[in-house]
Amino acid sequence: IINGVSKAYAMTGWRIGYCACPPDLAKAVTKLQGQYTSGASSIA
């Protein structure tokens, strides 16, 4: 599942979305994101 806060909560500029997925895919996504952006904004 791909979802986030941009549309429902009028938060497009806050840049927070998520994937909810099978465990192995979630681990792979975390590994990938860790190499090219790391975590999203703390305040957002």
All heavy atoms as atom14 arrays in JSON, in Angstrom:
{
  "sequence": "IINGVSKAYAMTGWRIGYCACPPDLAKAVTKLQGQYTSGASSIA",
  "atom14_mask": [
    [1, 1, 1, 1, 1, 1, 1, 1, 0, 0, 0, 0, 0, 0],
    [1, 1, 1, 1, 1, 1, 1, 1, 0, 0, 0, 0, 0, 0],
    [1, 1, 1, 1, 1, 1, 1, 1, 0, 0, 0, 0, 0, 0],
    [1, 1, 1, 1, 0, 0, 0, 0, 0, 0, 0, 0, 0, 0],
    [1, 1, 1, 1, 1, 1, 1, 0, 0, 0, 0, 0, 0, 0],
    [1, 1, 1, 1, 1, 1, 0, 0, 0, 0, 0, 0, 0, 0],
    [1, 1, 1, 1, 1, 1, 1, 1, 1, 0, 0, 0, 0, 0],
    [1, 1, 1, 1, 1, 0, 0, 0, 0, 0, 0, 0, 0, 0],
    [1, 1, 1, 1, 1, 1, 1, 1, 1, 1, 1, 1, 0, 0],
    [1, 1, 1, 1, 1, 0, 0, 0, 0, 0, 0, 0, 0, 0],
    [1, 1, 1, 1, 1, 1, 1, 1, 0, 0, 0, 0, 0, 0],
    [1, 1, 1, 1, 1, 1, 1, 0, 0, 0, 0, 0, 0, 0],
    [1, 1, 1, 1, 0, 0, 0, 0, 0, 0, 0, 0, 0, 0],
    [1, 1, 1, 1, 1, 1, 1, 1, 1, 1, 1, 1, 1, 1],
    [1, 1, 1, 1, 1, 1, 1, 1, 1, 1, 1, 0, 0, 0],
    [1, 1, 1, 1, 1, 1, 1, 1, 0, 0, 0, 0, 0, 0],
    [1, 1, 1, 1, 0, 0, 0, 0, 0, 0, 0, 0, 0, 0],
    [1, 1, 1, 1, 1, 1, 1, 1, 1, 1, 1, 1, 0, 0],
    [1, 1, 1, 1, 1, 1, 0, 0, 0, 0, 0, 0, 0, 0],
    [1, 1, 1, 1, 1, 0, 0, 0, 0, 0, 0, 0, 0, 0],
    [1, 1, 1, 1, 1, 1, 0, 0, 0, 0, 0, 0, 0, 0],
    [1, 1, 1, 1, 1, 1, 1, 0, 0, 0, 0, 0, 0, 0],
    [1, 1, 1, 1, 1, 1, 1, 0, 0, 0, 0, 0, 0, 0],
    [1, 1, 1, 1, 1, 1, 1, 1, 0, 0, 0, 0, 0, 0],
    [1, 1, 1, 1, 1, 1, 1, 1, 0, 0, 0, 0, 0, 0],
    [1, 1, 1, 1, 1, 0, 0, 0, 0, 0, 0, 0, 0, 0],
    [1, 1, 1, 1, 1, 1, 1, 1, 1, 0, 0, 0, 0, 0],
    [1, 1, 1, 1, 1, 0, 0, 0, 0, 0, 0, 0, 0, 0],
    [1, 1, 1, 1, 1, 1, 1, 0, 0, 0, 0, 0, 0, 0],
    [1, 1, 1, 1, 1, 1, 1, 0, 0, 0, 0, 0, 0, 0],
    [1, 1, 1, 1, 1, 1, 1, 1, 1, 0, 0, 0, 0, 0],
    [1, 1, 1, 1, 1, 1, 1, 1, 0, 0, 0, 0, 0, 0],
    [1, 1, 1, 1, 1, 1, 1, 1, 1, 0, 0, 0, 0, 0],
    [1, 1, 1, 1, 0, 0, 0, 0, 0, 0, 0, 0, 0, 0],
    [1, 1, 1, 1, 1, 1, 1, 1, 1, 0, 0, 0, 0, 0],
    [1, 1, 1, 1, 1, 1, 1, 1, 1, 1, 1, 1, 0, 0],
    [1, 1, 1, 1, 1, 1, 1, 0, 0, 0, 0, 0, 0, 0],
    [1, 1, 1, 1, 1, 1, 0, 0, 0, 0, 0, 0, 0, 0],
    [1, 1, 1, 1, 0, 0, 0, 0, 0, 0, 0, 0, 0, 0],
    [1, 1, 1, 1, 1, 0, 0, 0, 0, 0, 0, 0, 0, 0],
    [1, 1, 1, 1, 1, 1, 0, 0, 0, 0, 0, 0, 0, 0],
    [1, 1, 1, 1, 1, 1, 0, 0, 0, 0, 0, 0, 0, 0],
    [1, 1, 1, 1, 1, 1, 1, 1, 0, 0, 0, 0, 0, 0],
    [1, 1, 1, 1, 1, 0, 0, 0, 0, 0, 0, 0, 0, 0]
  ],
  "atom14_positions": [
    [[0.85, -1.2, 0.0], [0.0, 0.0, 0.0], [0.88, 1.24, 0.0], [1.86, 1.32, 0.73], [-0.9, 0.02, 1.25], [-1.9, -1.13, 1.2], [-1.65, 1.35, 1.36], [-2.72, -1.25, 2.47], [0.0, 0.0, 0.0], [0.0, 0.0, 0.0], [0.0, 0.0, 0.0], [0.0, 0.0, 0.0], [0.0, 0.0, 0.0], [0.0, 0.0, 0.0]],
    [[0.5, 2.2, -0.82], [1.16, 3.51, -0.84], [0.14, 4.54, -0.38], [-0.98, 4.61, -0.9], [1.64, 3.87, -2.26], [2.5, 2.75, -2.86], [2.39, 5.2, -2.23], [3.77, 2.45, -2.12], [0.0, 0.0, 0.0], [0.0, 0.0, 0.0], [0.0, 0.0, 0.0], [0.0, 0.0, 0.0], [0.0, 0.0, 0.0], [0.0, 0.0, 0.0]],
    [[0.52, 5.35, 0.6], [-0.4, 6.37, 1.09], [0.41, 7.47, 1.76], [1.65, 7.42, 1.78], [-1.43, 5.76, 2.05], [-2.77, 6.47, 2.02], [-2.83, 7.69, 1.82], [-3.84, 5.72, 2.21], [0.0, 0.0, 0.0], [0.0, 0.0, 0.0], [0.0, 0.0, 0.0], [0.0, 0.0, 0.0], [0.0, 0.0, 0.0], [0.0, 0.0, 0.0]],
    [[-0.27, 8.46, 2.31], [0.44, 9.56, 2.95], [-0.52, 10.65, 3.37], [-1.75, 10.49, 3.27], [0.0, 0.0, 0.0], [0.0, 0.0, 0.0], [0.0, 0.0, 0.0], [0.0, 0.0, 0.0], [0.0, 0.0, 0.0], [0.0, 0.0, 0.0], [0.0, 0.0, 0.0], [0.0, 0.0, 0.0], [0.0, 0.0, 0.0], [0.0, 0.0, 0.0]],
    [[0.02, 11.76, 3.82], [-0.8, 12.83, 4.4], [-1.05, 13.99, 3.43], [-1.83, 14.89, 3.76], [-0.13, 13.39, 5.68], [-0.06, 12.32, 6.76], [1.27, 13.95, 5.39], [0.0, 0.0, 0.0], [0.0, 0.0, 0.0], [0.0, 0.0, 0.0], [0.0, 0.0, 0.0], [0.0, 0.0, 0.0], [0.0, 0.0, 0.0], [0.0, 0.0, 0.0]],
    [[-0.44, 13.97, 2.27], [-0.47, 15.14, 1.39], [-1.88, 15.58, 1.0], [-2.22, 16.77, 1.09], [0.34, 14.87, 0.12], [1.71, 14.77, 0.4], [0.0, 0.0, 0.0], [0.0, 0.0, 0.0], [0.0, 0.0, 0.0], [0.0, 0.0, 0.0], [0.0, 0.0, 0.0], [0.0, 0.0, 0.0], [0.0, 0.0, 0.0], [0.0, 0.0, 0.0]],
    [[-2.69, 14.65, 0.53], [-3.99, 15.02, -0.03], [-5.06, 15.15, 1.05], [-5.78, 16.14, 1.1], [-4.43, 13.98, -1.07], [-3.36, 13.6, -2.08], [-2.86, 14.77, -2.91], [-1.86, 14.29, -3.96], [-1.31, 15.36, -4.8], [0.0, 0.0, 0.0], [0.0, 0.0, 0.0], [0.0, 0.0, 0.0], [0.0, 0.0, 0.0], [0.0, 0.0, 0.0]],
    [[-5.19, 14.15, 1.92], [-6.28, 14.15, 2.9], [-6.14, 15.27, 3.92], [-7.15, 15.8, 4.4], [-6.34, 12.8, 3.61], [0.0, 0.0, 0.0], [0.0, 0.0, 0.0], [0.0, 0.0, 0.0], [0.0, 0.0, 0.0], [0.0, 0.0, 0.0], [0.0, 0.0, 0.0], [0.0, 0.0, 0.0], [0.0, 0.0, 0.0], [0.0, 0.0, 0.0]],
    [[-4.91, 15.63, 4.27], [-4.69, 16.6, 5.34], [-4.09, 17.92, 4.82], [-3.64, 18.74, 5.61], [-3.78, 16.01, 6.41], [-4.35, 14.77, 7.06], [-4.0, 13.5, 6.61], [-5.27, 14.87, 8.11], [-4.54, 12.36, 7.19], [-5.81, 13.74, 8.7], [-5.45, 12.47, 8.23], [-5.99, 11.35, 8.81], [0.0, 0.0, 0.0], [0.0, 0.0, 0.0]],
    [[-4.1, 18.1, 3.49], [-3.55, 19.33, 2.9], [-2.13, 19.58, 3.38], [-1.79, 20.65, 3.89], [-4.45, 20.53, 3.21], [0.0, 0.0, 0.0], [0.0, 0.0, 0.0], [0.0, 0.0, 0.0], [0.0, 0.0, 0.0], [0.0, 0.0, 0.0], [0.0, 0.0, 0.0], [0.0, 0.0, 0.0], [0.0, 0.0, 0.0], [0.0, 0.0, 0.0]],
    [[-1.28, 18.57, 3.21], [0.1, 18.63, 3.71], [1.1, 18.33, 2.59], [2.12, 17.68, 2.84], [0.29, 17.66, 4.87], [-0.51, 18.0, 6.12], [-0.34, 16.76, 7.43], [1.39, 16.95, 7.88], [0.0, 0.0, 0.0], [0.0, 0.0, 0.0], [0.0, 0.0, 0.0], [0.0, 0.0, 0.0], [0.0, 0.0, 0.0], [0.0, 0.0, 0.0]],
    [[0.85, 18.81, 1.39], [1.72, 18.46, 0.27], [3.18, 18.84, 0.51], [4.09, 18.09, 0.19], [1.21, 19.12, -1.02], [1.02, 20.52, -0.79], [-0.1, 18.51, -1.47], [0.0, 0.0, 0.0], [0.0, 0.0, 0.0], [0.0, 0.0, 0.0], [0.0, 0.0, 0.0], [0.0, 0.0, 0.0], [0.0, 0.0, 0.0], [0.0, 0.0, 0.0]],
    [[3.39, 20.01, 1.07], [4.76, 20.48, 1.26], [5.51, 19.84, 2.42], [6.73, 19.98, 2.55], [0.0, 0.0, 0.0], [0.0, 0.0, 0.0], [0.0, 0.0, 0.0], [0.0, 0.0, 0.0], [0.0, 0.0, 0.0], [0.0, 0.0, 0.0], [0.0, 0.0, 0.0], [0.0, 0.0, 0.0], [0.0, 0.0, 0.0], [0.0, 0.0, 0.0]],
    [[4.8, 19.11, 3.27], [5.44, 18.47, 4.41], [6.21, 17.22, 3.99], [7.12, 16.78, 4.7], [4.39, 18.08, 5.46], [3.66, 19.24, 6.06], [2.6, 19.92, 5.51], [3.92, 19.88, 7.3], [2.19, 20.92, 6.35], [2.98, 20.92, 7.46], [4.86, 19.66, 8.32], [2.96, 21.75, 8.59], [4.83, 20.48, 9.45], [3.89, 21.51, 9.57]],
    [[5.85, 16.64, 2.86], [6.54, 15.51, 2.24], [6.62, 14.28, 3.15], [7.71, 13.81, 3.49], [7.97, 15.9, 1.78], [8.07, 17.13, 0.9], [7.08, 17.15, -0.26], [7.2, 15.99, -1.13], [6.16, 15.26, -1.55], [4.93, 15.55, -1.16], [6.35, 14.23, -2.33], [0.0, 0.0, 0.0], [0.0, 0.0, 0.0], [0.0, 0.0, 0.0]],
    [[5.46, 13.77, 3.52], [5.41, 12.54, 4.29], [4.45, 11.56, 3.61], [3.25, 11.84, 3.45], [4.94, 12.78, 5.75], [5.97, 13.62, 6.51], [4.72, 11.45, 6.46], [7.31, 12.94, 6.74], [0.0, 0.0, 0.0], [0.0, 0.0, 0.0], [0.0, 0.0, 0.0], [0.0, 0.0, 0.0], [0.0, 0.0, 0.0], [0.0, 0.0, 0.0]],
    [[4.99, 10.43, 3.21], [4.2, 9.33, 2.68], [4.75, 8.04, 3.26], [5.73, 8.04, 4.0], [0.0, 0.0, 0.0], [0.0, 0.0, 0.0], [0.0, 0.0, 0.0], [0.0, 0.0, 0.0], [0.0, 0.0, 0.0], [0.0, 0.0, 0.0], [0.0, 0.0, 0.0], [0.0, 0.0, 0.0], [0.0, 0.0, 0.0], [0.0, 0.0, 0.0]],
    [[4.11, 6.92, 2.9], [4.6, 5.65, 3.44], [4.21, 4.5, 2.53], [3.29, 4.62, 1.71], [4.07, 5.4, 4.85], [2.57, 5.18, 4.93], [2.01, 3.9, 4.71], [1.7, 6.22, 5.24], [0.65, 3.7, 4.79], [0.33, 6.01, 5.32], [-0.2, 4.75, 5.1], [-1.55, 4.55, 5.17], [0.0, 0.0, 0.0], [0.0, 0.0, 0.0]],
    [[4.92, 3.41, 2.68], [4.48, 2.14, 2.12], [4.24, 1.18, 3.28], [4.95, 1.22, 4.29], [5.49, 1.56, 1.13], [7.09, 1.15, 1.84], [0.0, 0.0, 0.0], [0.0, 0.0, 0.0], [0.0, 0.0, 0.0], [0.0, 0.0, 0.0], [0.0, 0.0, 0.0], [0.0, 0.0, 0.0], [0.0, 0.0, 0.0], [0.0, 0.0, 0.0]],
    [[3.21, 0.36, 3.15], [2.93, -0.72, 4.08], [2.94, -1.99, 3.25], [2.15, -2.14, 2.32], [1.57, -0.51, 4.75], [0.0, 0.0, 0.0], [0.0, 0.0, 0.0], [0.0, 0.0, 0.0], [0.0, 0.0, 0.0], [0.0, 0.0, 0.0], [0.0, 0.0, 0.0], [0.0, 0.0, 0.0], [0.0, 0.0, 0.0], [0.0, 0.0, 0.0]],
    [[3.85, -2.89, 3.56], [4.11, -3.98, 2.62], [4.61, -5.24, 3.33], [4.85, -5.22, 4.56], [5.12, -3.51, 1.57], [6.63, -2.8, 2.23], [0.0, 0.0, 0.0], [0.0, 0.0, 0.0], [0.0, 0.0, 0.0], [0.0, 0.0, 0.0], [0.0, 0.0, 0.0], [0.0, 0.0, 0.0], [0.0, 0.0, 0.0], [0.0, 0.0, 0.0]],
    [[4.81, -6.33, 2.6], [5.34, -7.56, 3.21], [6.68, -7.3, 3.89], [7.44, -6.42, 3.47], [5.48, -8.5, 2.01], [4.46, -8.02, 1.03], [4.45, -6.52, 1.18], [0.0, 0.0, 0.0], [0.0, 0.0, 0.0], [0.0, 0.0, 0.0], [0.0, 0.0, 0.0], [0.0, 0.0, 0.0], [0.0, 0.0, 0.0], [0.0, 0.0, 0.0]],
    [[6.99, -8.06, 4.94], [8.2, -7.79, 5.74], [9.5, -7.71, 4.94], [10.3, -6.79, 5.14], [8.23, -8.96, 6.72], [6.8, -9.36, 6.87], [6.18, -9.16, 5.52], [0.0, 0.0, 0.0], [0.0, 0.0, 0.0], [0.0, 0.0, 0.0], [0.0, 0.0, 0.0], [0.0, 0.0, 0.0], [0.0, 0.0, 0.0], [0.0, 0.0, 0.0]],
    [[9.73, -8.64, 4.02], [10.98, -8.63, 3.26], [11.08, -7.4, 2.36], [12.17, -6.83, 2.19], [11.11, -9.9, 2.41], [11.43, -11.13, 3.25], [11.79, -10.96, 4.44], [11.32, -12.25, 2.72], [0.0, 0.0, 0.0], [0.0, 0.0, 0.0], [0.0, 0.0, 0.0], [0.0, 0.0, 0.0], [0.0, 0.0, 0.0], [0.0, 0.0, 0.0]],
    [[9.96, -6.98, 1.81], [9.96, -5.79, 0.97], [10.2, -4.54, 1.82], [10.94, -3.64, 1.41], [8.65, -5.67, 0.2], [8.52, -4.5, -0.76], [9.67, -4.44, -1.75], [7.18, -4.56, -1.52], [0.0, 0.0, 0.0], [0.0, 0.0, 0.0], [0.0, 0.0, 0.0], [0.0, 0.0, 0.0], [0.0, 0.0, 0.0], [0.0, 0.0, 0.0]],
    [[9.62, -4.49, 3.0], [9.85, -3.35, 3.89], [11.32, -3.23, 4.26], [11.89, -2.13, 4.32], [8.99, -3.49, 5.15], [0.0, 0.0, 0.0], [0.0, 0.0, 0.0], [0.0, 0.0, 0.0], [0.0, 0.0, 0.0], [0.0, 0.0, 0.0], [0.0, 0.0, 0.0], [0.0, 0.0, 0.0], [0.0, 0.0, 0.0], [0.0, 0.0, 0.0]],
    [[11.98, -4.37, 4.49], [13.42, -4.36, 4.79], [14.21, -3.85, 3.6], [15.17, -3.08, 3.76], [13.88, -5.76, 5.18], [13.35, -6.25, 6.52], [13.77, -7.69, 6.79], [13.19, -8.2, 8.1], [13.52, -9.64, 8.33], [0.0, 0.0, 0.0], [0.0, 0.0, 0.0], [0.0, 0.0, 0.0], [0.0, 0.0, 0.0], [0.0, 0.0, 0.0]],
    [[13.83, -4.28, 2.41], [14.53, -3.84, 1.2], [14.35, -2.34, 0.97], [15.3, -1.63, 0.62], [14.03, -4.62, -0.01], [0.0, 0.0, 0.0], [0.0, 0.0, 0.0], [0.0, 0.0, 0.0], [0.0, 0.0, 0.0], [0.0, 0.0, 0.0], [0.0, 0.0, 0.0], [0.0, 0.0, 0.0], [0.0, 0.0, 0.0], [0.0, 0.0, 0.0]],
    [[13.13, -1.86, 1.18], [12.86, -0.42, 1.02], [13.67, 0.39, 2.03], [14.24, 1.44, 1.69], [11.34, -0.16, 1.18], [11.07, 1.33, 1.37], [10.58, -0.67, -0.04], [0.0, 0.0, 0.0], [0.0, 0.0, 0.0], [0.0, 0.0, 0.0], [0.0, 0.0, 0.0], [0.0, 0.0, 0.0], [0.0, 0.0, 0.0], [0.0, 0.0, 0.0]],
    [[13.74, -0.09, 3.26], [14.53, 0.6, 4.28], [16.0, 0.64, 3.9], [16.68, 1.67, 4.05], [14.35, -0.09, 5.64], [12.97, -0.08, 6.01], [15.16, 0.61, 6.73], [0.0, 0.0, 0.0], [0.0, 0.0, 0.0], [0.0, 0.0, 0.0], [0.0, 0.0, 0.0], [0.0, 0.0, 0.0], [0.0, 0.0, 0.0], [0.0, 0.0, 0.0]],
    [[16.51, -0.47, 3.4], [17.91, -0.53, 2.95], [18.18, 0.47, 1.84], [19.17, 1.21, 1.87], [18.2, -1.95, 2.47], [19.61, -2.19, 1.95], [19.75, -3.64, 1.48], [21.14, -3.93, 0.94], [21.25, -5.34, 0.47], [0.0, 0.0, 0.0], [0.0, 0.0, 0.0], [0.0, 0.0, 0.0], [0.0, 0.0, 0.0], [0.0, 0.0, 0.0]],
    [[17.26, 0.52, 0.86], [17.42, 1.46, -0.26], [17.36, 2.9, 0.21], [18.24, 3.71, -0.1], [16.31, 1.2, -1.3], [16.22, 2.18, -2.47], [17.46, 2.1, -3.34], [14.96, 1.91, -3.29], [0.0, 0.0, 0.0], [0.0, 0.0, 0.0], [0.0, 0.0, 0.0], [0.0, 0.0, 0.0], [0.0, 0.0, 0.0], [0.0, 0.0, 0.0]],
    [[16.33, 3.22, 0.99], [16.17, 4.6, 1.45], [17.34, 5.04, 2.32], [17.75, 6.2, 2.3], [14.84, 4.74, 2.2], [14.54, 6.17, 2.64], [13.09, 6.34, 3.05], [12.19, 6.23, 2.24], [12.87, 6.61, 4.33], [0.0, 0.0, 0.0], [0.0, 0.0, 0.0], [0.0, 0.0, 0.0], [0.0, 0.0, 0.0], [0.0, 0.0, 0.0]],
    [[17.89, 4.09, 3.07], [19.02, 4.41, 3.93], [20.25, 4.84, 3.17], [21.12, 5.53, 3.72], [0.0, 0.0, 0.0], [0.0, 0.0, 0.0], [0.0, 0.0, 0.0], [0.0, 0.0, 0.0], [0.0, 0.0, 0.0], [0.0, 0.0, 0.0], [0.0, 0.0, 0.0], [0.0, 0.0, 0.0], [0.0, 0.0, 0.0], [0.0, 0.0, 0.0]],
    [[20.32, 4.47, 1.91], [21.49, 4.82, 1.12], [21.33, 6.11, 0.32], [22.32, 6.66, -0.14], [21.84, 3.68, 0.15], [22.45, 2.46, 0.84], [23.83, 2.73, 1.39], [24.33, 3.84, 1.38], [24.48, 1.67, 1.9], [0.0, 0.0, 0.0], [0.0, 0.0, 0.0], [0.0, 0.0, 0.0], [0.0, 0.0, 0.0], [0.0, 0.0, 0.0]],
    [[20.1, 6.57, 0.13], [20.03, 7.77, -0.71], [19.22, 8.94, -0.18], [19.35, 10.06, -0.69], [19.62, 7.44, -2.16], [18.16, 7.21, -2.44], [17.44, 8.14, -3.19], [17.51, 6.07, -2.02], [16.11, 7.92, -3.49], [16.19, 5.85, -2.32], [15.48, 6.78, -3.06], [14.16, 6.56, -3.37], [0.0, 0.0, 0.0], [0.0, 0.0, 0.0]],
    [[18.42, 8.77, 0.86], [17.84, 9.96, 1.52], [17.85, 9.85, 3.03], [17.71, 10.87, 3.71], [16.37, 10.21, 1.09], [15.56, 9.12, 1.5], [16.25, 10.43, -0.41], [0.0, 0.0, 0.0], [0.0, 0.0, 0.0], [0.0, 0.0, 0.0], [0.0, 0.0, 0.0], [0.0, 0.0, 0.0], [0.0, 0.0, 0.0], [0.0, 0.0, 0.0]],
    [[17.96, 8.66, 3.57], [17.78, 8.43, 5.01], [16.35, 8.78, 5.42], [15.45, 8.81, 4.58], [18.81, 9.23, 5.83], [20.12, 8.81, 5.49], [0.0, 0.0, 0.0], [0.0, 0.0, 0.0], [0.0, 0.0, 0.0], [0.0, 0.0, 0.0], [0.0, 0.0, 0.0], [0.0, 0.0, 0.0], [0.0, 0.0, 0.0], [0.0, 0.0, 0.0]],
    [[16.14, 9.07, 6.71], [14.8, 9.29, 7.2], [14.22, 10.62, 6.77], [14.94, 11.57, 6.44], [0.0, 0.0, 0.0], [0.0, 0.0, 0.0], [0.0, 0.0, 0.0], [0.0, 0.0, 0.0], [0.0, 0.0, 0.0], [0.0, 0.0, 0.0], [0.0, 0.0, 0.0], [0.0, 0.0, 0.0], [0.0, 0.0, 0.0], [0.0, 0.0, 0.0]],
    [[12.89, 10.7, 6.79], [12.2, 11.93, 6.42], [12.32, 12.96, 7.55], [12.76, 12.66, 8.66], [10.73, 11.62, 6.14], [0.0, 0.0, 0.0], [0.0, 0.0, 0.0], [0.0, 0.0, 0.0], [0.0, 0.0, 0.0], [0.0, 0.0, 0.0], [0.0, 0.0, 0.0], [0.0, 0.0, 0.0], [0.0, 0.0, 0.0], [0.0, 0.0, 0.0]],
    [[11.91, 14.18, 7.26], [12.0, 15.3, 8.2], [11.39, 14.96, 9.56], [10.27, 14.47, 9.66], [11.27, 16.51, 7.62], [10.94, 17.45, 8.62], [0.0, 0.0, 0.0], [0.0, 0.0, 0.0], [0.0, 0.0, 0.0], [0.0, 0.0, 0.0], [0.0, 0.0, 0.0], [0.0, 0.0, 0.0], [0.0, 0.0, 0.0], [0.0, 0.0, 0.0]],
    [[12.16, 15.25, 10.6], [11.7, 14.97, 11.97], [10.43, 15.76, 12.3], [9.48, 15.22, 12.87], [12.81, 15.31, 12.96], [13.24, 16.66, 12.8], [0.0, 0.0, 0.0], [0.0, 0.0, 0.0], [0.0, 0.0, 0.0], [0.0, 0.0, 0.0], [0.0, 0.0, 0.0], [0.0, 0.0, 0.0], [0.0, 0.0, 0.0], [0.0, 0.0, 0.0]],
    [[10.42, 17.04, 11.96], [9.28, 17.89, 12.29], [8.05, 17.46, 11.51], [6.94, 17.38, 12.06], [9.61, 19.37, 12.0], [10.9, 19.79, 12.71], [8.45, 20.27, 12.4], [10.91, 19.55, 14.19], [0.0, 0.0, 0.0], [0.0, 0.0, 0.0], [0.0, 0.0, 0.0], [0.0, 0.0, 0.0], [0.0, 0.0, 0.0], [0.0, 0.0, 0.0]],
    [[8.22, 17.16, 10.24], [7.1, 16.73, 9.41], [6.53, 15.41, 9.91], [5.31, 15.19, 9.85], [7.54, 16.62, 7.95], [0.0, 0.0, 0.0], [0.0, 0.0, 0.0], [0.0, 0.0, 0.0], [0.0, 0.0, 0.0], [0.0, 0.0, 0.0], [0.0, 0.0, 0.0], [0.0, 0.0, 0.0], [0.0, 0.0, 0.0], [0.0, 0.0, 0.0]]
  ]
}
